[in-house]
Amino acid sequence: MAGKKIKRSFLFKLIVFLNIGAAALLILSHVASYVSPSVFWVASLVALAYPGLLLVNMLFVLYWLLIKSRALFISLFAILIGFDNLRSQIQLNLFKTEVPTNAQKLRVLSFNARLFDLYEWTGNPRTRDKIFEMVREEAPNILCFQEFYTSNRPGRNNLDTLLLLQKATNSHVAYTETLRESDHWGIATFSTYPVVNKGNILFHEETNNLCIFTDLKVGEDTVRVYNVHFQSNRFKREDYEFLGNPNAKPSNDEKIIASRNIIRRLQVGATKRARQVKVVADHIESSPYPVIVCGDFNDPPASFTYNKISKGLEDAFGESGWGLGNTYNGLFSVLRIDYLLHDPRMVGTGYKTIRKNLSDHYAIVSDLWLKKAEATPKE
């Protein structure tokens, strides 16, 4: 009998120890939202594992509930102090969002198109056409593309094709790279509303990433749309191969080198995004108009990037999304790294993630309702 108690006591202590470790890591992932990676980049690395850490801690809570132990507060505390991160990752919107009266509806779609499958990553020769079909079906008023590509060559002029097939024919396109004077890579915003002003926000460093802003005349109002693509981690093919199958490296030394390369890329990417997001956030804060922010942030909700740029804005997923908000269609498919944010003077409804294999990202779309400007009474 005494032996069983000793074994049970040891097992209990071991589970508590493991629970404390999981809770500590979850709390560390919360820290990433408030501390710049340039100061403490390790937290940003842990934040990438937030969905998994959240699940593990939920399982610990369930376990302690089943055996009726107060140890459940270890993980419960770690989950609740990061409630904002939880809401940004998982949504259960059970009630329909009330649409304000006298409001203008703006359907917004944002998508990292991965160059319209230029290099046939999807293995489907019809992917480019399917992207166009999706755009035509959703019929957005505002359409934001990251990793936009177009060419003067036959069959690759995505710009002209988009202008012909859909109603958002006012455009703002900015290129970060041009080759052969005919092939262009960059970022693009299309709109059914007239463009009254536009500009580029440069990051003043060697990068192919960019943010553009486009002022649109919506009735009597002006709305500023930010389309942003923050720094990627720039993984190489061998990095993805190692992440998908670490045992492909025959020796421990090779595994250590491969792991160090990946961690280094994550560190550099997070640090660059921290600098870039400050530039964009300052620009948003100075906007004289209500803003909409679309883009590929390359960071999860539990990150300095998201916390910095979303301050004072509403998240369309939080308003009317459902389930796990993952938008990455790659190796880490639980990640949410694409966002649609907007001014509090708008209300978002009908948020959805279009889960089609058209890119390594999923497109996101939401209806935003802008209250119409009231006419100024005549003297």
Protein backbone atom coordinates (compact mmCIF):
# COMPACT_ATOMS: atom_id res chain seq x y z
CA MET A 1 0.00 0.00 0.00
CA ALA A 2 2.80 2.40 0.93
CA GLY A 3 4.58 1.60 -2.33
CA LYS A 4 1.49 2.49 -4.36
CA LYS A 5 1.17 5.84 -2.54
CA ILE A 6 4.83 6.63 -3.24
CA LYS A 7 4.40 5.78 -6.94
CA ARG A 8 1.19 7.82 -7.15
CA SER A 9 2.86 10.72 -5.37
CA PHE A 10 5.80 10.60 -7.78
CA LEU A 11 3.48 10.47 -10.81
CA PHE A 12 1.44 13.37 -9.45
CA LYS A 13 4.56 15.47 -8.95
CA LEU A 14 5.83 14.60 -12.43
CA ILE A 15 2.54 15.65 -14.06
CA VAL A 16 2.51 18.90 -12.06
CA PHE A 17 6.09 19.57 -13.14
CA LEU A 18 5.19 19.02 -16.80
CA ASN A 19 2.10 21.18 -16.38
CA ILE A 20 4.16 24.03 -14.92
CA GLY A 21 6.53 23.79 -17.88
CA ALA A 22 3.68 23.92 -20.41
CA ALA A 23 2.06 26.85 -18.58
CA ALA A 24 5.37 28.72 -18.43
CA LEU A 25 5.83 28.35 -22.19
CA LEU A 26 2.28 29.55 -22.82
CA ILE A 27 2.90 32.62 -20.65
CA LEU A 28 6.15 33.23 -22.54
CA SER A 29 4.17 33.21 -25.80
CA HIS A 30 1.96 35.98 -24.34
CA VAL A 31 5.07 38.04 -23.64
CA ALA A 32 5.79 38.11 -27.39
CA SER A 33 2.80 40.42 -27.92
CA TYR A 34 4.33 43.19 -25.83
CA VAL A 35 8.10 42.85 -26.17
CA SER A 36 9.83 43.61 -29.46
CA PRO A 37 11.83 40.71 -30.93
CA SER A 38 14.76 43.10 -31.18
CA VAL A 39 14.78 43.05 -27.36
CA PHE A 40 13.78 39.43 -26.68
CA TRP A 41 13.37 37.34 -29.82
CA VAL A 42 12.99 34.00 -28.00
CA ALA A 43 9.42 34.90 -27.01
CA SER A 44 8.49 35.47 -30.65
CA LEU A 45 9.82 32.00 -31.46
CA VAL A 46 7.73 30.40 -28.71
CA ALA A 47 4.65 32.36 -29.88
CA LEU A 48 4.68 30.39 -33.14
CA ALA A 49 3.78 27.34 -31.05
CA TYR A 50 0.86 29.14 -29.34
CA PRO A 51 -1.92 26.93 -30.82
CA GLY A 52 -0.14 23.76 -29.70
CA LEU A 53 0.69 25.18 -26.26
CA LEU A 54 -2.91 26.29 -25.84
CA LEU A 55 -4.17 22.79 -26.66
CA VAL A 56 -1.74 21.14 -24.25
CA ASN A 57 -2.76 23.45 -21.42
CA MET A 58 -6.45 22.88 -22.14
CA LEU A 59 -5.83 19.14 -21.88
CA PHE A 60 -4.13 19.67 -18.51
CA VAL A 61 -7.17 21.63 -17.28
CA LEU A 62 -9.44 18.81 -18.41
CA TYR A 63 -7.25 16.21 -16.71
CA TRP A 64 -7.25 18.05 -13.37
CA LEU A 65 -11.01 18.56 -13.62
CA LEU A 66 -11.53 14.85 -14.08
CA ILE A 67 -9.51 13.97 -10.99
CA LYS A 68 -10.87 17.02 -9.11
CA SER A 69 -7.53 18.64 -8.37
CA ARG A 70 -6.83 22.31 -7.68
CA ALA A 71 -3.78 21.97 -9.91
CA LEU A 72 -6.13 22.94 -12.76
CA PHE A 73 -5.46 26.60 -11.86
CA ILE A 74 -1.88 26.28 -13.17
CA SER A 75 -2.97 26.07 -16.80
CA LEU A 76 -6.19 28.00 -16.30
CA PHE A 77 -4.20 31.02 -15.13
CA ALA A 78 -1.81 30.73 -18.10
CA ILE A 79 -4.74 30.60 -20.54
CA LEU A 80 -6.77 33.43 -19.05
CA ILE A 81 -3.96 35.99 -18.79
CA GLY A 82 -3.61 35.64 -22.54
CA PHE A 83 -7.33 35.84 -23.25
CA ASP A 84 -6.79 38.40 -26.03
CA ASN A 85 -4.55 35.92 -27.83
CA LEU A 86 -7.18 33.22 -27.38
CA ARG A 87 -9.89 35.44 -28.92
CA SER A 88 -7.62 36.28 -31.84
CA GLN A 89 -6.98 32.60 -32.58
CA ILE A 90 -10.35 30.94 -31.88
CA GLN A 91 -13.83 32.38 -32.31
CA LEU A 92 -17.29 31.05 -31.48
CA ASN A 93 -19.54 33.87 -32.66
CA LEU A 94 -22.96 32.44 -31.84
CA PHE A 95 -24.96 35.59 -32.45
CA LYS A 96 -25.38 37.54 -35.64
CA THR A 97 -23.63 40.91 -35.68
CA GLU A 98 -26.09 43.79 -35.83
CA VAL A 99 -25.65 45.92 -38.93
CA PRO A 100 -25.96 49.67 -38.28
CA THR A 101 -28.70 51.55 -40.10
CA ASN A 102 -27.78 53.93 -42.88
CA ALA A 103 -24.52 52.08 -43.58
CA GLN A 104 -22.54 51.48 -46.77
CA LYS A 105 -21.51 47.86 -47.38
CA LEU A 106 -17.91 47.22 -48.47
CA ARG A 107 -16.93 43.66 -49.27
CA VAL A 108 -13.19 43.25 -48.71
CA LEU A 109 -11.01 40.34 -49.83
CA SER A 110 -7.32 39.89 -49.00
CA PHE A 111 -5.12 37.17 -50.45
CA ASN A 112 -1.45 36.29 -50.70
CA ALA A 113 -1.67 34.88 -54.22
CA ARG A 114 1.85 33.42 -54.27
CA LEU A 115 2.47 34.92 -57.71
CA PHE A 116 -0.70 33.27 -59.11
CA ASP A 117 1.10 29.93 -58.98
CA LEU A 118 3.72 31.14 -61.44
CA TYR A 119 6.03 28.21 -60.72
CA GLU A 120 3.18 25.67 -60.45
CA TRP A 121 3.74 24.91 -56.76
CA THR A 122 0.20 23.54 -56.42
CA GLY A 123 0.72 21.01 -59.19
CA ASN A 124 -2.54 22.11 -60.82
CA PRO A 125 -2.24 23.98 -64.14
CA ARG A 126 -5.66 25.55 -63.54
CA THR A 127 -4.77 27.25 -60.24
CA ARG A 128 -4.36 30.68 -61.84
CA ASP A 129 -7.81 30.41 -63.45
CA LYS A 130 -9.30 29.19 -60.18
CA ILE A 131 -7.98 32.31 -58.42
CA PHE A 132 -9.77 34.44 -60.99
CA GLU A 133 -12.93 32.37 -60.51
CA MET A 134 -12.79 32.92 -56.76
CA VAL A 135 -12.45 36.68 -57.23
CA ARG A 136 -15.37 36.76 -59.64
CA GLU A 137 -17.57 34.71 -57.29
CA GLU A 138 -16.80 36.83 -54.21
CA ALA A 139 -17.17 40.12 -56.17
CA PRO A 140 -15.30 42.28 -53.62
CA ASN A 141 -15.48 46.08 -53.57
CA ILE A 142 -11.90 46.13 -52.29
CA LEU A 143 -9.39 43.49 -53.33
CA CYS A 144 -5.89 43.32 -51.83
CA PHE A 145 -3.19 41.03 -53.22
CA GLN A 146 0.16 40.31 -51.65
CA GLU A 147 2.85 38.51 -53.71
CA PHE A 148 1.25 39.97 -56.82
CA TYR A 149 2.77 39.10 -60.19
CA THR A 150 2.00 40.23 -63.71
CA SER A 151 3.78 40.11 -67.05
CA ASN A 152 3.48 41.54 -70.52
CA ARG A 153 3.95 38.04 -71.87
CA PRO A 154 0.86 36.24 -73.29
CA GLY A 155 -1.07 34.26 -70.70
CA ARG A 156 0.63 35.94 -67.72
CA ASN A 157 -0.87 39.44 -67.74
CA ASN A 158 -2.69 39.08 -64.44
CA LEU A 159 -3.25 42.82 -64.13
CA ASP A 160 -5.22 43.13 -67.37
CA THR A 161 -7.13 39.92 -66.66
CA LEU A 162 -8.24 41.17 -63.25
CA LEU A 163 -9.33 44.51 -64.67
CA LEU A 164 -11.47 42.71 -67.24
CA LEU A 165 -13.12 40.00 -65.15
CA GLN A 166 -14.34 41.88 -62.09
CA LYS A 167 -15.95 45.14 -61.05
CA ALA A 168 -13.05 46.47 -58.93
CA THR A 169 -11.29 48.23 -61.80
CA ASN A 170 -9.65 51.14 -59.97
CA SER A 171 -6.18 50.00 -59.04
CA HIS A 172 -3.03 50.84 -57.10
CA VAL A 173 -0.13 48.57 -57.99
CA ALA A 174 3.43 48.88 -56.67
CA TYR A 175 6.35 46.74 -57.81
CA THR A 176 9.36 45.75 -55.75
CA GLU A 177 11.12 43.95 -58.58
CA THR A 178 11.03 44.02 -62.39
CA LEU A 179 12.93 41.70 -64.71
CA ARG A 180 13.34 41.81 -68.47
CA GLU A 181 11.23 45.02 -68.46
CA SER A 182 8.18 42.77 -68.72
CA ASP A 183 7.82 40.75 -65.50
CA HIS A 184 6.76 42.52 -62.33
CA TRP A 185 6.55 41.40 -58.69
CA GLY A 186 4.86 43.43 -55.96
CA ILE A 187 1.58 44.24 -54.25
CA ALA A 188 -1.79 45.42 -55.59
CA THR A 189 -5.07 46.91 -54.41
CA PHE A 190 -8.21 47.02 -56.58
CA SER A 191 -11.42 48.88 -55.82
CA THR A 192 -14.87 49.67 -57.19
CA TYR A 193 -14.49 53.11 -55.60
CA PRO A 194 -12.50 55.97 -57.14
CA VAL A 195 -8.89 56.32 -56.00
CA VAL A 196 -8.32 59.90 -54.81
CA ASN A 197 -4.82 59.47 -53.39
CA LYS A 198 -2.20 56.76 -52.99
CA GLY A 199 1.30 56.19 -51.75
CA ASN A 200 3.97 53.66 -50.83
CA ILE A 201 5.40 53.09 -47.36
CA LEU A 202 9.01 51.98 -47.72
CA PHE A 203 10.87 50.07 -45.00
CA HIS A 204 14.30 51.61 -45.75
CA GLU A 205 16.09 48.28 -45.83
CA GLU A 206 16.94 45.64 -48.39
CA THR A 207 13.67 43.76 -48.74
CA ASN A 208 11.03 42.82 -51.28
CA ASN A 209 8.31 43.61 -48.75
CA LEU A 210 6.18 46.71 -48.94
CA CYS A 211 3.09 48.51 -47.67
CA ILE A 212 0.87 50.69 -49.85
CA PHE A 213 -2.02 52.93 -48.87
CA THR A 214 -4.93 53.87 -51.13
CA ASP A 215 -7.53 56.56 -50.37
CA LEU A 216 -10.95 55.65 -51.77
CA LYS A 217 -13.99 57.87 -52.20
CA VAL A 218 -16.92 55.93 -50.72
CA GLY A 219 -20.02 58.07 -51.12
CA GLU A 220 -19.37 61.25 -49.17
CA ASP A 221 -16.61 59.60 -47.15
CA THR A 222 -12.96 58.81 -47.79
CA VAL A 223 -11.54 55.48 -46.58
CA ARG A 224 -7.82 54.67 -46.46
CA VAL A 225 -6.89 51.08 -47.31
CA TYR A 226 -3.51 49.71 -46.22
CA ASN A 227 -2.23 46.66 -48.07
CA VAL A 228 0.85 45.25 -46.36
CA HIS A 229 3.22 42.33 -46.73
CA PHE A 230 5.61 42.15 -43.80
CA GLN A 231 8.96 40.37 -43.86
CA SER A 232 8.81 36.62 -44.39
CA ASN A 233 11.15 34.18 -42.69
CA ARG A 234 12.71 33.38 -46.07
CA PHE A 235 12.95 29.65 -45.53
CA LYS A 236 14.78 27.73 -48.23
CA ARG A 237 13.65 24.44 -49.69
CA GLU A 238 16.09 22.50 -47.52
CA ASP A 239 14.60 24.19 -44.43
CA TYR A 240 11.11 22.98 -45.31
CA GLU A 241 12.47 19.52 -46.09
CA PHE A 242 14.15 19.32 -42.69
CA LEU A 243 11.05 20.59 -40.86
CA GLY A 244 8.92 18.04 -42.67
CA ASN A 245 11.33 15.19 -42.00
CA PRO A 246 14.14 15.90 -39.50
CA ASN A 247 15.39 12.32 -39.83
CA ALA A 248 16.38 13.05 -43.44
CA LYS A 249 19.60 14.47 -41.99
CA PRO A 250 21.76 11.41 -41.29
CA SER A 251 24.00 12.86 -38.59
CA ASN A 252 23.36 14.83 -35.41
CA ASP A 253 25.80 17.54 -36.55
CA GLU A 254 23.75 18.10 -39.72
CA LYS A 255 20.56 18.28 -37.70
CA ILE A 256 22.09 20.86 -35.37
CA ILE A 257 23.27 22.99 -38.29
CA ALA A 258 19.85 22.76 -39.99
CA SER A 259 18.08 23.71 -36.74
CA ARG A 260 20.40 26.67 -36.18
CA ASN A 261 19.74 27.93 -39.73
CA ILE A 262 15.98 27.80 -39.18
CA ILE A 263 16.17 29.53 -35.79
CA ARG A 264 18.41 32.20 -37.30
CA ARG A 265 15.93 32.87 -40.11
CA LEU A 266 13.09 33.11 -37.59
CA GLN A 267 15.09 35.55 -35.47
CA VAL A 268 16.02 37.78 -38.42
CA GLY A 269 12.46 37.72 -39.80
CA ALA A 270 10.87 38.63 -36.47
CA THR A 271 13.35 41.45 -35.85
CA LYS A 272 12.74 42.96 -39.31
CA ARG A 273 8.96 42.74 -38.89
CA ALA A 274 9.25 44.58 -35.57
CA ARG A 275 10.92 47.50 -37.35
CA GLN A 276 8.52 47.43 -40.28
CA VAL A 277 5.35 47.32 -38.19
CA LYS A 278 6.38 50.43 -36.25
CA VAL A 279 6.61 52.38 -39.51
CA VAL A 280 3.18 51.22 -40.68
CA ALA A 281 1.52 51.63 -37.26
CA ASP A 282 2.74 55.24 -37.04
CA HIS A 283 1.36 55.93 -40.52
CA ILE A 284 -2.01 54.42 -39.61
CA GLU A 285 -2.18 56.51 -36.45
CA SER A 286 -1.72 59.69 -38.49
CA SER A 287 -4.43 58.80 -41.04
CA PRO A 288 -7.12 61.50 -41.37
CA TYR A 289 -9.62 58.88 -42.58
CA PRO A 290 -11.14 55.63 -41.31
CA VAL A 291 -8.75 52.81 -42.19
CA ILE A 292 -8.90 49.23 -43.42
CA VAL A 293 -5.75 47.11 -43.04
CA CYS A 294 -5.30 43.98 -45.13
CA GLY A 295 -2.25 41.85 -45.40
CA ASP A 296 0.09 38.98 -44.80
CA PHE A 297 1.76 39.81 -41.48
CA ASN A 298 3.84 36.59 -41.39
CA ASP A 299 3.19 36.51 -37.63
CA PRO A 300 0.53 34.88 -35.43
CA PRO A 301 -1.91 36.80 -33.18
CA ALA A 302 0.41 36.18 -30.21
CA SER A 303 3.06 38.47 -31.67
CA PHE A 304 4.48 41.95 -31.39
CA THR A 305 3.56 42.58 -35.05
CA TYR A 306 -0.15 41.86 -34.59
CA ASN A 307 -0.43 43.61 -31.23
CA LYS A 308 1.29 46.74 -32.54
CA ILE A 309 -0.67 47.19 -35.75
CA SER A 310 -4.09 46.14 -34.39
CA LYS A 311 -4.07 48.63 -31.53
CA GLY A 312 -7.20 50.78 -31.79
CA LEU A 313 -8.60 48.67 -34.64
CA GLU A 314 -11.18 45.91 -34.89
CA ASP A 315 -10.33 42.44 -36.16
CA ALA A 316 -12.91 41.19 -38.68
CA PHE A 317 -12.25 37.59 -37.61
CA GLY A 318 -12.95 38.50 -33.99
CA GLU A 319 -16.24 40.14 -34.94
CA SER A 320 -17.81 37.45 -37.07
CA GLY A 321 -15.34 34.62 -37.63
CA TRP A 322 -15.81 31.03 -36.53
CA GLY A 323 -13.50 28.29 -35.32
CA LEU A 324 -9.74 28.25 -35.73
CA GLY A 325 -8.69 31.29 -37.73
CA ASN A 326 -5.77 29.60 -39.50
CA THR A 327 -4.87 31.12 -42.87
CA TYR A 328 -1.58 29.39 -43.70
CA ASN A 329 -1.86 26.51 -46.16
CA GLY A 330 1.59 25.10 -45.55
CA LEU A 331 3.59 22.95 -43.17
CA PHE A 332 2.30 24.73 -40.04
CA SER A 333 -1.32 24.85 -41.13
CA VAL A 334 -2.72 25.95 -37.75
CA LEU A 335 -1.12 29.39 -38.06
CA ARG A 336 -3.15 32.54 -38.58
CA ILE A 337 -0.88 35.04 -40.32
CA ASP A 338 -3.26 36.91 -42.69
CA TYR A 339 -5.52 39.63 -41.33
CA LEU A 340 -8.32 42.05 -42.09
CA LEU A 341 -8.48 44.91 -39.57
CA HIS A 342 -10.62 48.01 -39.67
CA ASP A 343 -11.57 51.26 -37.99
CA PRO A 344 -14.06 51.04 -35.06
CA ARG A 345 -16.39 53.28 -37.09
CA MET A 346 -17.10 50.21 -39.21
CA VAL A 347 -18.82 46.95 -38.32
CA GLY A 348 -17.67 43.63 -39.78
CA THR A 349 -19.99 40.74 -40.70
CA GLY A 350 -19.74 37.45 -42.56
CA TYR A 351 -16.03 36.87 -42.13
CA LYS A 352 -14.82 33.68 -43.81
CA THR A 353 -11.65 31.90 -44.80
CA ILE A 354 -11.75 30.48 -48.31
CA ARG A 355 -10.07 27.11 -47.82
CA LYS A 356 -9.06 26.33 -51.37
CA ASN A 357 -5.64 25.07 -52.41
CA LEU A 358 -4.70 28.07 -54.55
CA SER A 359 -1.61 29.27 -52.66
CA ASP A 360 0.31 28.60 -49.48
CA HIS A 361 -2.20 31.04 -47.92
CA TYR A 362 -5.99 31.08 -47.78
CA ALA A 363 -7.94 34.10 -48.94
CA ILE A 364 -10.00 35.93 -46.29
CA VAL A 365 -13.13 38.01 -46.91
CA SER A 366 -15.53 40.08 -44.83
CA ASP A 367 -18.32 42.60 -45.31
CA LEU A 368 -17.57 45.91 -43.61
CA TRP A 369 -20.37 48.37 -42.94
CA LEU A 370 -19.41 52.03 -42.96
CA LYS A 371 -21.95 54.42 -41.54
CA LYS A 372 -22.70 57.03 -44.15
CA ALA A 373 -21.62 60.59 -43.43
CA GLU A 374 -24.50 62.74 -42.33
CA ALA A 375 -25.21 65.75 -44.48
CA THR A 376 -24.24 69.05 -42.89
CA PRO A 377 -27.39 71.14 -42.35
CA LYS A 378 -27.53 74.35 -44.34
CA GLU A 379 -27.50 77.66 -42.52
